[in-house]
Amino acid sequence: MNKKVTIYEVAKRAGVAISTVSRVLNGSQNVSEDTKVKVNDVIKELNFRPQVNARKLASKEPQMLAIAVPSFTTPFFNEVLKGVKDEISKMDLDIILYNTGSKNPEEAVHNFFDRGTADALILLSIDVTDKIHEVMQATQTPVVLVNSAHESYNYFMLNDYKGGYMSGEHLVKNGFQNIGMISTVTKNKSSSERERGFIDALKNYKMNIDDSLFITGDSEKHGGFTEEAGFEAINKYAEMGKFPDAIFCANDTQALGAIHAINKLGMSVPEDIALMGYDNIKFSKYMDLTTVNQKMYSTGVQATSRLAEIIRNPDQDLIQTTIDPELIERGSTKNSKK
């Protein structure tokens, strides 16, 4: 089977930018006649069949929506996808789920656009690099970002810094003195911002910060947001022979593994160690786990609704929203020594 010719190959062969090829394909007047001839000659030579996004969008017919996500299996992404699915059910839109993986999402998104299978896109927790921005501009694909931000696109950004700050503040106000955090071994924007906010809260409340109490598990699966990572981190505290009074986990899934490890060591939450998570996924309620609700389901709903709006009317002003989280206090951070 012959490999599908892409817009990038046309641009390279013609010696122009992919945005120029896109303008030629869309009949723009802002291209010289010589350039039009050169690009069209290459299109014929390579037998290039352009994506049909622009034609379909102009007709305002029902569209194929795609959501690109680093993982389908983590509770965080599942909650956002539930919101997308429920909102899609109200519309005459089909949906494709595309797993980019967490190691090289830029290349995966690039390959996705090469396929030309969707007319609109939600990018979930994927940063818009210059390369991704270039291809989205060239294909004129309507895009909404979730948990990333870029000045050229509609986005719904989750405020991880504020969530981290609220978590630190909560533990301090509950009277804990030796406070630690389980972060992720693979650094990413979400975990880094949560940790930054958490540390700033401790500093602002004049707390002593013991760097040895800020650790990670070894598991790199799902970027370190796993039960295994939480379990491993608690065992590292055990090896040190030193435990915090209270621990902030980078997400609820880590907290689940941490609780299991604490119990296996003959201790309990919150009597021996207070523990809190992040995300407010479903099981946290039944684990009596203090956590941070970042409104993942409603964010998925809002992003999908916004994408439908810009499909119908691409010339609307951008909506760029930061979504503030909410602290959910439960029994896992009760200070029995107060």
Protein backbone atom coordinates (compact mmCIF):
# COMPACT_ATOMS: atom_id res chain seq x y z
CA MET A 1 0.00 0.00 0.00
CA ASN A 2 1.36 3.43 -0.91
CA LYS A 3 2.01 5.78 1.98
CA LYS A 4 -0.42 8.67 2.14
CA VAL A 5 1.13 11.94 0.96
CA THR A 6 0.88 14.67 3.59
CA ILE A 7 0.73 18.45 3.46
CA TYR A 8 4.24 18.52 4.95
CA GLU A 9 5.69 16.64 1.99
CA VAL A 10 3.98 19.02 -0.42
CA ALA A 11 5.40 22.03 1.44
CA LYS A 12 8.90 20.55 1.54
CA ARG A 13 8.91 19.66 -2.17
CA ALA A 14 7.55 23.11 -3.14
CA GLY A 15 9.94 24.91 -0.80
CA VAL A 16 7.19 26.78 1.05
CA ALA A 17 5.62 26.76 4.51
CA ILE A 18 2.71 24.41 5.18
CA SER A 19 0.57 27.48 5.88
CA THR A 20 1.21 28.57 2.28
CA VAL A 21 0.06 25.18 0.97
CA SER A 22 -3.04 25.52 3.14
CA ARG A 23 -3.79 28.97 1.65
CA VAL A 24 -3.43 27.60 -1.87
CA LEU A 25 -5.80 24.72 -1.06
CA ASN A 26 -8.36 27.14 0.39
CA GLY A 27 -8.20 29.53 -2.57
CA SER A 28 -6.72 32.42 -0.61
CA GLN A 29 -5.84 35.57 -2.58
CA ASN A 30 -2.82 36.19 -0.34
CA VAL A 31 -0.53 33.97 -2.41
CA SER A 32 1.39 35.01 -5.52
CA GLU A 33 0.51 33.40 -8.85
CA ASP A 34 3.99 31.91 -9.16
CA THR A 35 3.66 30.26 -5.76
CA LYS A 36 0.19 28.94 -6.60
CA VAL A 37 1.51 27.37 -9.78
CA LYS A 38 4.48 25.83 -7.97
CA VAL A 39 2.35 24.38 -5.18
CA ASN A 40 -0.32 23.05 -7.53
CA ASP A 41 2.34 21.41 -9.72
CA VAL A 42 3.69 19.58 -6.66
CA ILE A 43 0.17 18.58 -5.61
CA LYS A 44 -0.35 16.99 -9.03
CA GLU A 45 3.09 15.41 -9.06
CA LEU A 46 2.61 13.77 -5.65
CA ASN A 47 -1.08 13.00 -6.22
CA PHE A 48 -1.87 14.76 -2.95
CA ARG A 49 -5.46 14.55 -1.72
CA PRO A 50 -6.03 17.29 0.86
CA GLN A 51 -8.06 16.94 4.02
CA VAL A 52 -11.69 17.88 3.67
CA ASN A 53 -11.96 19.84 6.93
CA ALA A 54 -12.54 23.24 5.34
CA ARG A 55 -15.20 22.01 2.92
CA LYS A 56 -17.09 20.17 5.63
CA LEU A 57 -16.93 23.05 8.08
CA ALA A 58 -18.24 25.45 5.47
CA SER A 59 -21.27 23.23 4.95
CA LYS A 60 -21.99 23.19 8.71
CA GLU A 61 -22.83 19.49 8.43
CA PRO A 62 -22.41 17.18 11.45
CA GLN A 63 -18.74 16.72 12.23
CA MET A 64 -16.34 14.05 13.42
CA LEU A 65 -14.85 15.19 16.72
CA ALA A 66 -11.62 13.73 18.09
CA ILE A 67 -10.20 13.87 21.57
CA ALA A 68 -6.45 13.37 21.90
CA VAL A 69 -5.40 12.19 25.35
CA PRO A 70 -2.15 10.80 26.82
CA SER A 71 -3.95 7.84 28.44
CA PHE A 72 -7.41 6.23 28.51
CA THR A 73 -6.85 4.24 31.66
CA THR A 74 -6.25 6.79 34.42
CA PRO A 75 -9.26 7.93 36.49
CA PHE A 76 -8.46 11.61 35.82
CA PHE A 77 -8.76 11.28 32.05
CA ASN A 78 -11.76 8.97 32.36
CA GLU A 79 -13.68 11.63 34.28
CA VAL A 80 -13.02 14.26 31.61
CA LEU A 81 -14.00 11.79 28.89
CA LYS A 82 -17.29 11.05 30.66
CA GLY A 83 -18.13 14.74 30.42
CA VAL A 84 -17.22 14.78 26.73
CA LYS A 85 -19.29 11.66 26.04
CA ASP A 86 -22.38 12.94 27.83
CA GLU A 87 -22.27 16.31 26.05
CA ILE A 88 -21.65 14.66 22.66
CA SER A 89 -24.81 12.59 23.14
CA LYS A 90 -26.83 15.83 22.85
CA MET A 91 -25.30 16.71 19.48
CA ASP A 92 -25.15 15.33 15.99
CA LEU A 93 -21.43 14.64 16.30
CA ASP A 94 -19.40 11.46 16.10
CA ILE A 95 -16.30 10.98 18.23
CA ILE A 96 -12.86 9.41 17.87
CA LEU A 97 -10.62 8.77 20.89
CA TYR A 98 -6.91 9.04 20.15
CA ASN A 99 -4.28 7.88 22.64
CA THR A 100 -1.07 9.89 22.20
CA GLY A 101 0.82 8.21 25.04
CA SER A 102 2.70 10.26 27.61
CA LYS A 103 6.27 9.98 26.25
CA ASN A 104 6.04 11.84 22.92
CA PRO A 105 2.59 13.40 22.48
CA GLU A 106 3.91 16.00 20.00
CA GLU A 107 4.81 13.37 17.41
CA ALA A 108 1.56 11.50 18.05
CA VAL A 109 -0.54 14.64 17.48
CA HIS A 110 1.46 15.34 14.32
CA ASN A 111 0.68 11.84 13.03
CA PHE A 112 -2.97 12.27 13.92
CA PHE A 113 -3.28 15.32 11.68
CA ASP A 114 -1.57 13.43 8.86
CA ARG A 115 -4.48 10.98 8.88
CA GLY A 116 -7.03 13.75 8.35
CA THR A 117 -9.81 11.72 9.98
CA ALA A 118 -11.45 14.35 12.21
CA ASP A 119 -12.82 17.83 11.67
CA ALA A 120 -12.46 19.18 15.20
CA LEU A 121 -10.30 18.34 18.18
CA ILE A 122 -10.06 18.48 21.97
CA LEU A 123 -6.47 18.29 23.21
CA LEU A 124 -6.39 17.01 26.79
CA SER A 125 -3.28 17.72 28.93
CA ILE A 126 -1.07 18.15 25.86
CA ASP A 127 1.01 21.30 25.55
CA VAL A 128 0.74 23.15 22.23
CA THR A 129 4.32 23.30 20.98
CA ASP A 130 5.34 25.40 17.99
CA LYS A 131 5.15 22.26 15.84
CA ILE A 132 1.62 21.38 16.96
CA HIS A 133 0.51 25.00 16.61
CA GLU A 134 1.84 25.12 13.04
CA VAL A 135 -0.06 22.05 11.91
CA MET A 136 -3.31 23.16 13.58
CA GLN A 137 -3.08 26.55 11.91
CA ALA A 138 -2.26 24.98 8.54
CA THR A 139 -5.22 22.59 8.61
CA GLN A 140 -7.57 25.20 10.10
CA THR A 141 -8.93 22.63 12.52
CA PRO A 142 -11.21 23.93 15.31
CA VAL A 143 -9.49 23.08 18.60
CA VAL A 144 -10.28 23.39 22.29
CA LEU A 145 -7.57 22.77 24.88
CA VAL A 146 -8.21 21.17 28.27
CA ASN A 147 -5.56 21.53 31.00
CA SER A 148 -3.16 23.40 28.75
CA ALA A 149 -3.16 26.97 27.52
CA HIS A 150 -2.17 28.84 24.36
CA GLU A 151 -3.01 32.39 23.36
CA SER A 152 -4.35 31.32 19.95
CA TYR A 153 -6.97 28.81 21.16
CA ASN A 154 -10.01 28.35 23.34
CA TYR A 155 -8.93 26.62 26.53
CA PHE A 156 -10.07 25.42 29.94
CA MET A 157 -7.00 25.39 32.18
CA LEU A 158 -7.04 23.62 35.54
CA ASN A 159 -5.45 25.65 38.33
CA ASP A 160 -3.03 23.06 39.74
CA TYR A 161 -0.99 25.70 41.59
CA LYS A 162 -4.03 26.83 43.57
CA GLY A 163 -4.98 23.23 44.32
CA GLY A 164 -1.50 22.55 45.66
CA TYR A 165 -1.58 25.71 47.75
CA MET A 166 -4.97 24.82 49.24
CA SER A 167 -3.63 21.37 50.14
CA GLY A 168 -0.63 22.77 52.00
CA GLU A 169 -2.78 25.34 53.75
CA HIS A 170 -5.26 22.67 54.83
CA LEU A 171 -2.60 20.47 56.43
CA VAL A 172 -1.01 23.45 58.21
CA LYS A 173 -4.35 24.66 59.57
CA ASN A 174 -5.08 21.15 60.82
CA GLY A 175 -2.04 21.46 63.05
CA PHE A 176 0.46 19.17 61.32
CA GLN A 177 4.11 20.12 61.72
CA ASN A 178 6.20 17.63 59.72
CA ILE A 179 4.56 17.69 56.33
CA GLY A 180 5.68 15.80 53.22
CA MET A 181 4.58 15.18 49.66
CA ILE A 182 4.59 12.27 47.24
CA SER A 183 5.14 13.70 43.76
CA THR A 184 5.81 12.01 40.40
CA VAL A 185 9.15 10.65 39.24
CA THR A 186 8.39 11.92 35.72
CA LYS A 187 8.05 15.68 35.96
CA ASN A 188 5.09 17.25 34.19
CA LYS A 189 3.23 20.51 34.42
CA SER A 190 0.39 19.24 36.64
CA SER A 191 2.54 17.62 39.33
CA SER A 192 5.10 20.43 39.24
CA GLU A 193 2.45 23.11 39.70
CA ARG A 194 0.79 21.20 42.54
CA GLU A 195 4.14 20.84 44.28
CA ARG A 196 5.02 24.50 43.73
CA GLY A 197 1.72 25.66 45.22
CA PHE A 198 2.07 23.23 48.12
CA ILE A 199 5.58 24.42 49.01
CA ASP A 200 4.54 28.08 48.70
CA ALA A 201 1.75 27.48 51.21
CA LEU A 202 4.17 25.94 53.70
CA LYS A 203 6.56 28.85 53.23
CA ASN A 204 3.83 31.45 53.64
CA TYR A 205 2.77 29.85 56.93
CA LYS A 206 6.42 29.85 58.12
CA MET A 207 6.57 26.07 58.31
CA ASN A 208 9.83 24.14 58.47
CA ILE A 209 10.31 22.35 55.13
CA ASP A 210 12.23 19.08 55.31
CA ASP A 211 13.34 18.23 51.77
CA SER A 212 13.81 14.57 52.67
CA LEU A 213 10.04 14.29 53.19
CA PHE A 214 9.39 15.23 49.54
CA ILE A 215 9.81 12.01 47.59
CA THR A 216 8.53 10.03 44.60
CA GLY A 217 7.91 6.41 43.80
CA ASP A 218 9.97 4.71 41.10
CA SER A 219 7.12 3.73 38.78
CA GLU A 220 7.01 5.77 35.55
CA LYS A 221 3.75 4.26 34.35
CA HIS A 222 1.21 7.00 33.59
CA GLY A 223 3.86 9.54 34.50
CA GLY A 224 4.04 8.31 38.09
CA PHE A 225 0.38 8.94 38.92
CA THR A 226 -0.24 5.33 39.99
CA GLU A 227 -0.97 3.12 42.99
CA GLU A 228 2.47 1.55 42.56
CA ALA A 229 4.18 4.94 42.88
CA GLY A 230 2.31 5.73 46.10
CA PHE A 231 3.12 2.32 47.55
CA GLU A 232 6.81 2.66 46.64
CA ALA A 233 7.05 6.14 48.15
CA ILE A 234 5.76 4.99 51.56
CA ASN A 235 8.32 2.19 51.57
CA LYS A 236 11.03 4.80 50.93
CA TYR A 237 9.93 6.61 54.08
CA ALA A 238 10.15 3.28 55.91
CA GLU A 239 13.69 2.72 54.61
CA MET A 240 14.68 6.19 55.85
CA GLY A 241 13.12 5.41 59.22
CA LYS A 242 11.34 8.76 59.15
CA PHE A 243 7.70 9.49 58.34
CA PRO A 244 5.85 12.82 57.97
CA ASP A 245 2.89 13.58 60.20
CA ALA A 246 0.89 14.32 57.06
CA ILE A 247 1.40 13.60 53.36
CA PHE A 248 -0.01 15.27 50.26
CA CYS A 249 -0.16 12.88 47.31
CA ALA A 250 -0.05 14.23 43.75
CA ASN A 251 -3.30 12.40 42.97
CA ASP A 252 -5.90 10.10 44.53
CA THR A 253 -4.55 7.01 42.80
CA GLN A 254 -1.15 7.49 44.45
CA ALA A 255 -2.97 7.93 47.77
CA LEU A 256 -4.66 4.54 47.37
CA GLY A 257 -1.28 2.80 47.04
CA ALA A 258 0.09 4.84 49.92
CA ILE A 259 -2.76 3.80 52.23
CA HIS A 260 -2.15 0.15 51.36
CA ALA A 261 1.57 0.48 52.16
CA ILE A 262 0.86 2.29 55.44
CA ASN A 263 -1.52 -0.49 56.52
CA LYS A 264 1.00 -3.21 55.58
CA LEU A 265 3.54 -1.47 57.82
CA GLY A 266 1.12 -1.82 60.75
CA MET A 267 0.08 1.83 60.78
CA SER A 268 -3.18 3.54 59.90
CA VAL A 269 -4.60 6.71 58.36
CA PRO A 270 -5.10 9.24 59.94
CA GLU A 271 -4.09 7.97 63.39
CA ASP A 272 -0.41 7.53 62.50
CA ILE A 273 -0.12 9.47 59.25
CA ALA A 274 -2.66 11.88 57.78
CA LEU A 275 -3.00 11.60 54.02
CA MET A 276 -4.68 13.52 51.25
CA GLY A 277 -4.94 13.15 47.49
CA TYR A 278 -5.94 15.17 44.46
CA ASP A 279 -8.66 14.83 41.75
CA ASN A 280 -11.69 13.72 43.80
CA ILE A 281 -12.20 10.59 41.72
CA LYS A 282 -15.10 8.34 42.68
CA PHE A 283 -13.37 5.97 45.12
CA SER A 284 -11.96 8.85 47.22
CA LYS A 285 -15.38 9.35 48.81
CA TYR A 286 -15.53 5.72 49.93
CA MET A 287 -11.94 5.79 51.20
CA ASP A 288 -12.86 8.86 53.31
CA LEU A 289 -9.96 10.60 51.54
CA THR A 290 -9.45 14.35 51.76
CA THR A 291 -8.79 15.55 48.23
CA VAL A 292 -9.07 18.39 45.73
CA ASN A 293 -11.95 18.46 43.28
CA GLN A 294 -10.73 19.95 39.99
CA LYS A 295 -14.13 19.52 38.31
CA MET A 296 -12.97 17.17 35.56
CA TYR A 297 -16.42 16.03 34.44
CA SER A 298 -17.84 19.54 34.08
CA THR A 299 -14.67 20.65 32.30
CA GLY A 300 -15.20 17.91 29.71
CA VAL A 301 -18.78 19.10 29.23
CA GLN A 302 -17.74 22.75 28.83
CA ALA A 303 -14.95 21.96 26.38
CA THR A 304 -17.22 19.87 24.17
CA SER A 305 -19.97 22.48 24.19
CA ARG A 306 -17.45 25.16 23.25
CA LEU A 307 -16.08 23.09 20.39
CA ALA A 308 -19.57 22.63 18.98
CA GLU A 309 -20.05 26.42 19.11
CA ILE A 310 -16.86 27.22 17.19
CA ILE A 311 -17.68 24.57 14.57
CA ARG A 312 -20.92 26.43 13.89
CA ASN A 313 -19.30 29.87 14.09
CA PRO A 314 -15.48 29.86 13.78
CA ASP A 315 -15.21 33.66 14.08
CA GLN A 316 -16.28 33.91 17.72
CA ASP A 317 -14.03 35.53 20.29
CA LEU A 318 -11.82 33.11 22.18
CA ILE A 319 -12.92 31.81 25.57
CA GLN A 320 -9.89 31.20 27.80
CA THR A 321 -10.88 30.03 31.26
CA THR A 322 -8.94 29.00 34.36
CA ILE A 323 -10.93 26.58 36.50
CA ASP A 324 -10.34 26.89 40.24
CA PRO A 325 -10.40 23.69 42.32
CA GLU A 326 -12.29 22.97 45.53
CA LEU A 327 -10.92 21.33 48.66
CA ILE A 328 -12.97 18.32 49.83
CA GLU A 329 -12.22 17.65 53.50
CA ARG A 330 -12.77 14.10 54.77
CA GLY A 331 -11.53 11.94 57.60
CA SER A 332 -8.08 11.06 56.25
CA THR A 333 -6.63 14.39 57.41
CA LYS A 334 -8.21 14.50 60.85
CA ASN A 335 -5.52 15.36 63.40
CA SER A 336 -6.09 12.98 66.29
CA LYS A 337 -3.25 14.64 68.27
CA LYS A 338 -4.80 18.13 68.33
